[in-house]
Amino acid sequence: MFSYRHAFHAGNHADVLKHAIFVHILDHMNRKDTPYWVIDTHAGAGLYDLRSDWAAQNGEFTDGLDRLLGADNMPPLVERYLEEVHHFNPDGVANFYPGSPWLALRALRTADRLRLFEMHPSEVDVLRQNLQSQGRAALRQTTIHESDGFTGLKSQLPPAPRRGVIIIDPSYEDKHDYRKTLQAVNEGLKRFATGCFAIWYPLVQRLEVQELVRSLERLKTPWVHASLTVRKPSTDGYGLHGSGMFVLNPPWTLHDELAVALPWLSERLKIDDRAGFTLKRHES
């Protein structure tokens, strides 16, 4: 299914949650000198122009990123995330939004590597063009695979340095993505039990969402699970009313940072009185 384009949703409330957590994970990985890999199973285009027709069609960033800009008393997790967004907007106006690959590129040191999977033929073309503009160092560190990230992940694990972050964030347009996500996680843990797996999922009115969450929470691996709801579910059953992030082998700092950030984000991003959040963890 190739109808999905992330540019429609760039910078929305789901991206805020996902990428704030992702930046925190990358910062944690950089605390050690040992090299690591970042593997992104659904890379998208990497960088998004919020002035483009794609982004402007839905304008979802107005209920996400835009609500954070200029805010007071920002939690450290959110402030750090916005530092990265501002790097791509040096003129002070948030016209460009960095996806996970671009946040990773910013974090990587010389010996670190980035492995990107993207099946959408148009998205992968834009991804390649965007990467070309980043210079030789980025090209040397990055490998783009125009293939299914669910199946391609197997070939990348375990990464050579035995340190790595795997981000799994399909569109879930296809309901089979829920099963494929769980399968990829289970197989990934067999190959790379110590890897940090960051799994994003949408909060929509689908039974598959509940099944995925229950299955992930049954894993014995240490995890942190955060969800953010911004509005009540729509009456027609369609649309995104929130999202969640499930992080296996998380940074030890993540839970406490989220405990401060989630109440603030819930208040800042709420659309109606059904907004809220959840935060759980499991320690082995």
C-alpha atoms as a PDB file:
ATOM      1  CA  MET A   1       0.000   0.000   0.000  1.00  0.00           C
ATOM      2  CA  PHE A   2       1.718   3.165  -1.218  1.00  0.00           C
ATOM      3  CA  SER A   3      -0.897   5.851  -0.523  1.00  0.00           C
ATOM      4  CA  TYR A   4       0.678   6.953   2.768  1.00  0.00           C
ATOM      5  CA  ARG A   5       3.043   9.947   2.738  1.00  0.00           C
ATOM      6  CA  HIS A   6       4.455  11.068   6.058  1.00  0.00           C
ATOM      7  CA  ALA A   7       4.597  14.666   4.846  1.00  0.00           C
ATOM      8  CA  PHE A   8       0.838  14.800   5.420  1.00  0.00           C
ATOM      9  CA  HIS A   9       1.470  14.350   9.154  1.00  0.00           C
ATOM     10  CA  ALA A  10       4.939  15.839   9.703  1.00  0.00           C
ATOM     11  CA  GLY A  11       5.273  17.656  13.020  1.00  0.00           C
ATOM     12  CA  ASN A  12       1.936  16.488  14.422  1.00  0.00           C
ATOM     13  CA  HIS A  13       1.369  15.473  18.054  1.00  0.00           C
ATOM     14  CA  ALA A  14       2.469  11.896  17.309  1.00  0.00           C
ATOM     15  CA  ASP A  15       5.770  13.123  15.871  1.00  0.00           C
ATOM     16  CA  VAL A  16       6.318  15.276  18.944  1.00  0.00           C
ATOM     17  CA  LEU A  17       6.040  12.285  21.270  1.00  0.00           C
ATOM     18  CA  LYS A  18       8.019   9.936  19.029  1.00  0.00           C
ATOM     19  CA  HIS A  19      10.868  12.278  18.240  1.00  0.00           C
ATOM     20  CA  ALA A  20      11.240  13.758  21.729  1.00  0.00           C
ATOM     21  CA  ILE A  21      11.792  10.218  22.991  1.00  0.00           C
ATOM     22  CA  PHE A  22      14.060   9.363  20.054  1.00  0.00           C
ATOM     23  CA  VAL A  23      16.318  12.373  20.692  1.00  0.00           C
ATOM     24  CA  HIS A  24      16.605  11.340  24.347  1.00  0.00           C
ATOM     25  CA  ILE A  25      17.609   7.811  23.310  1.00  0.00           C
ATOM     26  CA  LEU A  26      20.260   9.140  20.905  1.00  0.00           C
ATOM     27  CA  ASP A  27      21.695  11.436  23.569  1.00  0.00           C
ATOM     28  CA  HIS A  28      21.933   8.457  25.902  1.00  0.00           C
ATOM     29  CA  MET A  29      23.733   6.357  23.284  1.00  0.00           C
ATOM     30  CA  ASN A  30      26.278   9.134  22.831  1.00  0.00           C
ATOM     31  CA  ARG A  31      27.275   8.998  26.479  1.00  0.00           C
ATOM     32  CA  LYS A  32      29.543   6.061  25.649  1.00  0.00           C
ATOM     33  CA  ASP A  33      32.408   6.234  23.175  1.00  0.00           C
ATOM     34  CA  THR A  34      31.593   2.803  21.701  1.00  0.00           C
ATOM     35  CA  PRO A  35      30.110   3.123  18.181  1.00  0.00           C
ATOM     36  CA  TYR A  36      26.500   2.196  17.483  1.00  0.00           C
ATOM     37  CA  TRP A  37      24.082   1.811  14.613  1.00  0.00           C
ATOM     38  CA  VAL A  38      20.644   3.336  14.121  1.00  0.00           C
ATOM     39  CA  ILE A  39      18.266   1.213  12.051  1.00  0.00           C
ATOM     40  CA  ASP A  40      15.024   2.813  10.843  1.00  0.00           C
ATOM     41  CA  THR A  41      12.547   0.333   9.359  1.00  0.00           C
ATOM     42  CA  HIS A  42      10.243   2.987   7.835  1.00  0.00           C
ATOM     43  CA  ALA A  43      12.451   5.974   7.116  1.00  0.00           C
ATOM     44  CA  GLY A  44      10.194   8.210   5.013  1.00  0.00           C
ATOM     45  CA  ALA A  45      11.788  11.184   3.254  1.00  0.00           C
ATOM     46  CA  GLY A  46      13.999  12.223   6.164  1.00  0.00           C
ATOM     47  CA  LEU A  47      13.262  15.951   6.080  1.00  0.00           C
ATOM     48  CA  TYR A  48       9.942  17.699   5.421  1.00  0.00           C
ATOM     49  CA  ASP A  49       9.111  21.179   4.182  1.00  0.00           C
ATOM     50  CA  LEU A  50       6.107  22.317   6.213  1.00  0.00           C
ATOM     51  CA  ARG A  51       5.315  24.894   3.522  1.00  0.00           C
ATOM     52  CA  SER A  52       4.853  22.191   0.887  1.00  0.00           C
ATOM     53  CA  ASP A  53       1.464  21.214  -0.503  1.00  0.00           C
ATOM     54  CA  TRP A  54       1.813  17.798   1.147  1.00  0.00           C
ATOM     55  CA  ALA A  55       2.263  19.231   4.635  1.00  0.00           C
ATOM     56  CA  ALA A  56      -0.152  22.119   4.160  1.00  0.00           C
ATOM     57  CA  GLN A  57      -2.953  19.833   2.974  1.00  0.00           C
ATOM     58  CA  ASN A  58      -3.706  18.716   6.534  1.00  0.00           C
ATOM     59  CA  GLY A  59      -1.589  21.209   8.472  1.00  0.00           C
ATOM     60  CA  GLU A  60      -1.261  18.768  11.357  1.00  0.00           C
ATOM     61  CA  PHE A  61       1.866  20.512  12.644  1.00  0.00           C
ATOM     62  CA  THR A  62      -0.374  23.344  13.853  1.00  0.00           C
ATOM     63  CA  ASP A  63      -1.733  21.001  16.543  1.00  0.00           C
ATOM     64  CA  GLY A  64       1.702  19.553  17.270  1.00  0.00           C
ATOM     65  CA  LEU A  65       5.014  21.332  16.850  1.00  0.00           C
ATOM     66  CA  ASP A  66       3.498  24.809  16.552  1.00  0.00           C
ATOM     67  CA  ARG A  67       1.878  24.516  19.992  1.00  0.00           C
ATOM     68  CA  LEU A  68       5.272  24.031  21.616  1.00  0.00           C
ATOM     69  CA  LEU A  69       7.080  26.952  20.021  1.00  0.00           C
ATOM     70  CA  GLY A  70       7.622  29.836  22.406  1.00  0.00           C
ATOM     71  CA  ALA A  71       6.191  27.973  25.390  1.00  0.00           C
ATOM     72  CA  ASP A  72       7.360  28.695  28.933  1.00  0.00           C
ATOM     73  CA  ASN A  73       8.539  26.252  31.612  1.00  0.00           C
ATOM     74  CA  MET A  74       9.312  23.569  29.066  1.00  0.00           C
ATOM     75  CA  PRO A  75      10.382  20.157  30.425  1.00  0.00           C
ATOM     76  CA  PRO A  76      13.982  19.206  29.569  1.00  0.00           C
ATOM     77  CA  LEU A  77      12.873  16.357  27.270  1.00  0.00           C
ATOM     78  CA  VAL A  78      10.786  18.752  25.162  1.00  0.00           C
ATOM     79  CA  GLU A  79      13.356  21.531  25.239  1.00  0.00           C
ATOM     80  CA  ARG A  80      16.056  19.170  23.993  1.00  0.00           C
ATOM     81  CA  TYR A  81      13.796  17.959  21.165  1.00  0.00           C
ATOM     82  CA  LEU A  82      13.095  21.529  20.077  1.00  0.00           C
ATOM     83  CA  GLU A  83      16.817  22.280  20.031  1.00  0.00           C
ATOM     84  CA  GLU A  84      17.139  19.689  17.288  1.00  0.00           C
ATOM     85  CA  VAL A  85      14.168  21.053  15.337  1.00  0.00           C
ATOM     86  CA  HIS A  86      15.591  24.581  15.566  1.00  0.00           C
ATOM     87  CA  HIS A  87      18.908  23.380  14.136  1.00  0.00           C
ATOM     88  CA  PHE A  88      17.118  22.788  10.817  1.00  0.00           C
ATOM     89  CA  ASN A  89      15.489  26.226  11.002  1.00  0.00           C
ATOM     90  CA  PRO A  90      18.333  28.658  11.714  1.00  0.00           C
ATOM     91  CA  ASP A  91      16.233  31.653  10.682  1.00  0.00           C
ATOM     92  CA  GLY A  92      13.965  31.036  13.678  1.00  0.00           C
ATOM     93  CA  VAL A  93      10.890  30.059  11.649  1.00  0.00           C
ATOM     94  CA  ALA A  94       9.904  26.386  11.799  1.00  0.00           C
ATOM     95  CA  ASN A  95       9.598  25.672   8.071  1.00  0.00           C
ATOM     96  CA  PHE A  96      11.436  22.351   8.042  1.00  0.00           C
ATOM     97  CA  TYR A  97      10.742  19.303  10.125  1.00  0.00           C
ATOM     98  CA  PRO A  98      13.372  16.578  10.689  1.00  0.00           C
ATOM     99  CA  GLY A  99      12.177  12.993  10.639  1.00  0.00           C
ATOM    100  CA  SER A 100      13.911  10.187  12.516  1.00  0.00           C
ATOM    101  CA  PRO A 101      16.716   9.749   9.920  1.00  0.00           C
ATOM    102  CA  TRP A 102      17.710  13.399  10.132  1.00  0.00           C
ATOM    103  CA  LEU A 103      17.617  13.420  13.928  1.00  0.00           C
ATOM    104  CA  ALA A 104      19.853  10.345  13.836  1.00  0.00           C
ATOM    105  CA  LEU A 105      22.270  11.939  11.346  1.00  0.00           C
ATOM    106  CA  ARG A 106      22.644  14.901  13.675  1.00  0.00           C
ATOM    107  CA  ALA A 107      23.533  12.609  16.572  1.00  0.00           C
ATOM    108  CA  LEU A 108      25.909  10.172  14.902  1.00  0.00           C
ATOM    109  CA  ARG A 109      29.631  10.356  15.517  1.00  0.00           C
ATOM    110  CA  THR A 110      32.259   9.413  12.912  1.00  0.00           C
ATOM    111  CA  ALA A 111      32.207   5.668  13.628  1.00  0.00           C
ATOM    112  CA  ASP A 112      28.416   5.363  13.997  1.00  0.00           C
ATOM    113  CA  ARG A 113      26.209   4.155  11.163  1.00  0.00           C
ATOM    114  CA  LEU A 114      22.658   4.687   9.882  1.00  0.00           C
ATOM    115  CA  ARG A 115      20.638   2.023   8.061  1.00  0.00           C
ATOM    116  CA  LEU A 116      17.409   3.201   6.431  1.00  0.00           C
ATOM    117  CA  PHE A 117      14.584   1.158   4.916  1.00  0.00           C
ATOM    118  CA  GLU A 118      11.847   2.728   2.774  1.00  0.00           C
ATOM    119  CA  MET A 119       9.571   0.959   0.296  1.00  0.00           C
ATOM    120  CA  HIS A 120       7.511   3.883  -0.998  1.00  0.00           C
ATOM    121  CA  PRO A 121       9.014   4.644  -4.442  1.00  0.00           C
ATOM    122  CA  SER A 122       8.422   8.399  -4.240  1.00  0.00           C
ATOM    123  CA  GLU A 123       9.530   8.689  -0.622  1.00  0.00           C
ATOM    124  CA  VAL A 124      12.754   6.791  -1.191  1.00  0.00           C
ATOM    125  CA  ASP A 125      13.624   9.017  -4.155  1.00  0.00           C
ATOM    126  CA  VAL A 126      13.194  12.119  -2.005  1.00  0.00           C
ATOM    127  CA  LEU A 127      15.143  10.443   0.796  1.00  0.00           C
ATOM    128  CA  ARG A 128      18.085   9.829  -1.552  1.00  0.00           C
ATOM    129  CA  GLN A 129      17.959  13.406  -2.845  1.00  0.00           C
ATOM    130  CA  ASN A 130      17.841  14.779   0.691  1.00  0.00           C
ATOM    131  CA  LEU A 131      20.773  12.621   1.737  1.00  0.00           C
ATOM    132  CA  GLN A 132      22.852  13.796  -1.224  1.00  0.00           C
ATOM    133  CA  SER A 133      22.539  17.337   0.113  1.00  0.00           C
ATOM    134  CA  GLN A 134      24.043  16.365   3.482  1.00  0.00           C
ATOM    135  CA  GLY A 135      27.579  15.893   2.207  1.00  0.00           C
ATOM    136  CA  ARG A 136      30.146  13.115   2.065  1.00  0.00           C
ATOM    137  CA  ALA A 137      30.178  12.237   5.745  1.00  0.00           C
ATOM    138  CA  ALA A 138      26.442  11.528   5.792  1.00  0.00           C
ATOM    139  CA  LEU A 139      26.682   9.500   2.576  1.00  0.00           C
ATOM    140  CA  ARG A 140      29.540   7.447   4.009  1.00  0.00           C
ATOM    141  CA  GLN A 141      27.645   6.681   7.232  1.00  0.00           C
ATOM    142  CA  THR A 142      24.265   5.923   5.695  1.00  0.00           C
ATOM    143  CA  THR A 143      22.899   3.013   3.697  1.00  0.00           C
ATOM    144  CA  ILE A 144      19.448   3.245   2.106  1.00  0.00           C
ATOM    145  CA  HIS A 145      17.537   0.061   1.315  1.00  0.00           C
ATOM    146  CA  GLU A 146      14.529   0.326  -0.979  1.00  0.00           C
ATOM    147  CA  SER A 147      12.884  -2.685   0.616  1.00  0.00           C
ATOM    148  CA  ASP A 148      10.577  -3.846   3.379  1.00  0.00           C
ATOM    149  CA  GLY A 149      12.023  -2.834   6.721  1.00  0.00           C
ATOM    150  CA  PHE A 150      10.174  -5.577   8.564  1.00  0.00           C
ATOM    151  CA  THR A 151      12.020  -8.319   6.678  1.00  0.00           C
ATOM    152  CA  GLY A 152      15.188  -6.311   6.070  1.00  0.00           C
ATOM    153  CA  LEU A 153      15.751  -5.763   9.781  1.00  0.00           C
ATOM    154  CA  LYS A 154      16.897  -9.367  10.162  1.00  0.00           C
ATOM    155  CA  SER A 155      19.926  -8.779   7.946  1.00  0.00           C
ATOM    156  CA  GLN A 156      21.118  -5.882  10.122  1.00  0.00           C
ATOM    157  CA  LEU A 157      21.059  -7.638  13.500  1.00  0.00           C
ATOM    158  CA  PRO A 158      23.106  -7.813  15.516  1.00  0.00           C
ATOM    159  CA  PRO A 159      24.963  -4.674  14.397  1.00  0.00           C
ATOM    160  CA  ALA A 160      28.738  -5.029  14.172  1.00  0.00           C
ATOM    161  CA  PRO A 161      29.520  -2.887  17.243  1.00  0.00           C
ATOM    162  CA  ARG A 162      26.866  -4.725  19.326  1.00  0.00           C
ATOM    163  CA  ARG A 163      25.225  -1.405  20.202  1.00  0.00           C
ATOM    164  CA  GLY A 164      22.203  -0.070  18.394  1.00  0.00           C
ATOM    165  CA  VAL A 165      18.841   1.654  18.267  1.00  0.00           C
ATOM    166  CA  ILE A 166      16.059   0.207  16.148  1.00  0.00           C
ATOM    167  CA  ILE A 167      13.083   2.461  15.449  1.00  0.00           C
ATOM    168  CA  ILE A 168       9.967   0.762  14.097  1.00  0.00           C
ATOM    169  CA  ASP A 169       7.229   3.178  13.046  1.00  0.00           C
ATOM    170  CA  PRO A 170       5.139   1.975  10.102  1.00  0.00           C
ATOM    171  CA  SER A 171       2.037   3.876   9.071  1.00  0.00           C
ATOM    172  CA  TYR A 172      -0.236   0.993  10.150  1.00  0.00           C
ATOM    173  CA  GLU A 173      -2.375   1.819   7.118  1.00  0.00           C
ATOM    174  CA  ASP A 174      -2.330  -1.900   6.518  1.00  0.00           C
ATOM    175  CA  LYS A 175      -3.769  -3.675   9.568  1.00  0.00           C
ATOM    176  CA  HIS A 176      -1.207  -6.452   9.067  1.00  0.00           C
ATOM    177  CA  ASP A 177       1.472  -3.970  10.168  1.00  0.00           C
ATOM    178  CA  TYR A 178       0.519  -4.613  13.795  1.00  0.00           C
ATOM    179  CA  ARG A 179       1.328  -8.303  13.488  1.00  0.00           C
ATOM    180  CA  LYS A 180       4.451  -7.583  11.453  1.00  0.00           C
ATOM    181  CA  THR A 181       5.657  -5.121  14.071  1.00  0.00           C
ATOM    182  CA  LEU A 182       5.319  -7.650  16.863  1.00  0.00           C
ATOM    183  CA  GLN A 183       7.006 -10.311  14.765  1.00  0.00           C
ATOM    184  CA  ALA A 184       9.893  -7.969  13.932  1.00  0.00           C
ATOM    185  CA  VAL A 185      10.353  -7.150  17.615  1.00  0.00           C
ATOM    186  CA  ASN A 186      10.340 -10.783  18.707  1.00  0.00           C
ATOM    187  CA  GLU A 187      12.759 -11.837  15.982  1.00  0.00           C
ATOM    188  CA  GLY A 188      14.911  -8.774  16.606  1.00  0.00           C
ATOM    189  CA  LEU A 189      15.266  -9.573  20.296  1.00  0.00           C
ATOM    190  CA  LYS A 190      16.423 -13.091  19.453  1.00  0.00           C
ATOM    191  CA  ARG A 191      19.242 -11.684  17.341  1.00  0.00           C
ATOM    192  CA  PHE A 192      20.009  -8.611  19.453  1.00  0.00           C
ATOM    193  CA  ALA A 193      18.666  -8.998  22.986  1.00  0.00           C
ATOM    194  CA  THR A 194      20.458  -5.904  24.303  1.00  0.00           C
ATOM    195  CA  GLY A 195      19.327  -3.556  21.516  1.00  0.00           C
ATOM    196  CA  CYS A 196      17.154  -0.534  22.194  1.00  0.00           C
ATOM    197  CA  PHE A 197      13.932  -1.021  20.219  1.00  0.00           C
ATOM    198  CA  ALA A 198      11.645   2.028  19.917  1.00  0.00           C
ATOM    199  CA  ILE A 199       8.182   1.107  18.634  1.00  0.00           C
ATOM    200  CA  TRP A 200       5.652   3.765  17.725  1.00  0.00           C
ATOM    201  CA  TYR A 201       1.952   2.975  17.325  1.00  0.00           C
ATOM    202  CA  PRO A 202      -1.178   5.046  16.633  1.00  0.00           C
ATOM    203  CA  LEU A 203      -4.126   5.370  18.975  1.00  0.00           C
ATOM    204  CA  VAL A 204      -7.023   4.570  16.680  1.00  0.00           C
ATOM    205  CA  GLN A 205     -10.189   2.559  17.182  1.00  0.00           C
ATOM    206  CA  ARG A 206      -8.812  -0.783  16.094  1.00  0.00           C
ATOM    207  CA  LEU A 207      -8.658  -4.009  18.041  1.00  0.00           C
ATOM    208  CA  GLU A 208      -5.177  -4.597  16.639  1.00  0.00           C
ATOM    209  CA  VAL A 209      -3.832  -1.650  18.678  1.00  0.00           C
ATOM    210  CA  GLN A 210      -4.924  -3.222  21.958  1.00  0.00           C
ATOM    211  CA  GLU A 211      -3.534  -6.591  20.930  1.00  0.00           C
ATOM    212  CA  LEU A 212      -0.139  -5.095  20.010  1.00  0.00           C
ATOM    213  CA  VAL A 213       0.123  -3.221  23.306  1.00  0.00           C
ATOM    214  CA  ARG A 214      -0.844  -6.271  25.374  1.00  0.00           C
ATOM    215  CA  SER A 215       1.701  -8.412  23.553  1.00  0.00           C
ATOM    216  CA  LEU A 216       4.504  -5.894  24.014  1.00  0.00           C
ATOM    217  CA  GLU A 217       3.726  -5.455  27.704  1.00  0.00           C
ATOM    218  CA  ARG A 218       4.068  -9.207  28.212  1.00  0.00           C
ATOM    219  CA  LEU A 219       7.709  -9.138  27.088  1.00  0.00           C
ATOM    220  CA  LYS A 220      10.236  -9.910  29.826  1.00  0.00           C
ATOM    221  CA  THR A 221      12.739  -7.404  28.464  1.00  0.00           C
ATOM    222  CA  PRO A 222      12.908  -4.094  30.406  1.00  0.00           C
ATOM    223  CA  TRP A 223      10.598  -1.521  28.843  1.00  0.00           C
ATOM    224  CA  VAL A 224       9.028   1.916  29.154  1.00  0.00           C
ATOM    225  CA  HIS A 225       5.609   2.509  27.618  1.00  0.00           C
ATOM    226  CA  ALA A 226       4.215   6.022  27.123  1.00  0.00           C
ATOM    227  CA  SER A 227       1.028   7.135  25.403  1.00  0.00           C
ATOM    228  CA  LEU A 228      -0.393  10.584  24.738  1.00  0.00           C
ATOM    229  CA  THR A 229      -4.042  11.287  23.903  1.00  0.00           C
ATOM    230  CA  VAL A 230      -5.015  14.735  22.596  1.00  0.00           C
ATOM    231  CA  ARG A 231      -8.755  14.349  21.995  1.00  0.00           C
ATOM    232  CA  LYS A 232     -11.669  11.973  22.231  1.00  0.00           C
ATOM    233  CA  PRO A 233     -11.980   9.358  19.492  1.00  0.00           C
ATOM    234  CA  SER A 234     -14.018  10.488  16.504  1.00  0.00           C
ATOM    235  CA  THR A 235     -17.573   9.245  16.212  1.00  0.00           C
ATOM    236  CA  ASP A 236     -16.933   7.678  12.791  1.00  0.00           C
ATOM    237  CA  GLY A 237     -14.035   5.610  14.151  1.00  0.00           C
ATOM    238  CA  TYR A 238     -11.432   7.248  11.924  1.00  0.00           C
ATOM    239  CA  GLY A 239      -8.588   9.579  12.743  1.00  0.00           C
ATOM    240  CA  LEU A 240      -5.722   9.645  15.193  1.00  0.00           C
ATOM    241  CA  HIS A 241      -6.658  10.698  18.729  1.00  0.00           C
ATOM    242  CA  GLY A 242      -3.227   9.960  20.164  1.00  0.00           C
ATOM    243  CA  SER A 243      -0.204   7.713  19.904  1.00  0.00           C
ATOM    244  CA  GLY A 244       2.159   5.631  21.967  1.00  0.00           C
ATOM    245  CA  MET A 245       5.838   4.758  22.207  1.00  0.00           C
ATOM    246  CA  PHE A 246       7.100   1.479  23.552  1.00  0.00           C
ATOM    247  CA  VAL A 247      10.852   1.384  24.253  1.00  0.00           C
ATOM    248  CA  LEU A 248      12.606  -1.907  24.979  1.00  0.00           C
ATOM    249  CA  ASN A 249      15.935  -1.720  26.831  1.00  0.00           C
ATOM    250  CA  PRO A 250      15.317   1.995  27.388  1.00  0.00           C
ATOM    251  CA  PRO A 251      17.773   4.532  28.770  1.00  0.00           C
ATOM    252  CA  TRP A 252      17.536   4.408  32.550  1.00  0.00           C
ATOM    253  CA  THR A 253      16.711   8.130  32.491  1.00  0.00           C
ATOM    254  CA  LEU A 254      13.743   7.880  30.119  1.00  0.00           C
ATOM    255  CA  HIS A 255      10.913   7.040  32.529  1.00  0.00           C
ATOM    256  CA  ASP A 256      11.641   9.911  34.895  1.00  0.00           C
ATOM    257  CA  GLU A 257      12.031  12.388  32.047  1.00  0.00           C
ATOM    258  CA  LEU A 258       8.667  11.308  30.646  1.00  0.00           C
ATOM    259  CA  ALA A 259       7.051  11.576  34.070  1.00  0.00           C
ATOM    260  CA  VAL A 260       7.811  15.296  33.913  1.00  0.00           C
ATOM    261  CA  ALA A 261       7.193  15.825  30.191  1.00  0.00           C
ATOM    262  CA  LEU A 262       3.934  13.934  29.616  1.00  0.00           C
ATOM    263  CA  PRO A 263       1.670  16.043  31.905  1.00  0.00           C
ATOM    264  CA  TRP A 264       3.052  19.195  30.273  1.00  0.00           C
ATOM    265  CA  LEU A 265       2.626  17.824  26.748  1.00  0.00           C
ATOM    266  CA  SER A 266      -0.890  16.628  27.519  1.00  0.00           C
ATOM    267  CA  GLU A 267      -1.898  20.094  28.668  1.00  0.00           C
ATOM    268  CA  ARG A 268      -0.118  21.865  25.819  1.00  0.00           C
ATOM    269  CA  LEU A 269      -1.379  19.629  23.016  1.00  0.00           C
ATOM    270  CA  LYS A 270      -4.894  18.900  24.220  1.00  0.00           C
ATOM    271  CA  ILE A 271      -7.729  19.525  21.794  1.00  0.00           C
ATOM    272  CA  ASP A 272     -10.550  18.647  24.179  1.00  0.00           C
ATOM    273  CA  ASP A 273     -11.122  17.438  27.735  1.00  0.00           C
ATOM    274  CA  ARG A 274     -10.403  13.803  26.833  1.00  0.00           C
ATOM    275  CA  ALA A 275      -6.687  14.501  26.510  1.00  0.00           C
ATOM    276  CA  GLY A 276      -4.392  12.556  28.799  1.00  0.00           C
ATOM    277  CA  PHE A 277      -1.402  10.272  29.051  1.00  0.00           C
ATOM    278  CA  THR A 278      -0.194   6.965  30.443  1.00  0.00           C
ATOM    279  CA  LEU A 279       3.258   5.923  31.598  1.00  0.00           C
ATOM    280  CA  LYS A 280       4.306   2.417  32.588  1.00  0.00           C
ATOM    281  CA  ARG A 281       7.545   0.526  32.954  1.00  0.00           C
ATOM    282  CA  HIS A 282       8.820  -2.983  33.484  1.00  0.00           C
ATOM    283  CA  GLU A 283      12.207  -3.757  34.961  1.00  0.00           C
ATOM    284  CA  SER A 284      13.678  -7.218  34.670  1.00  0.00           C
END
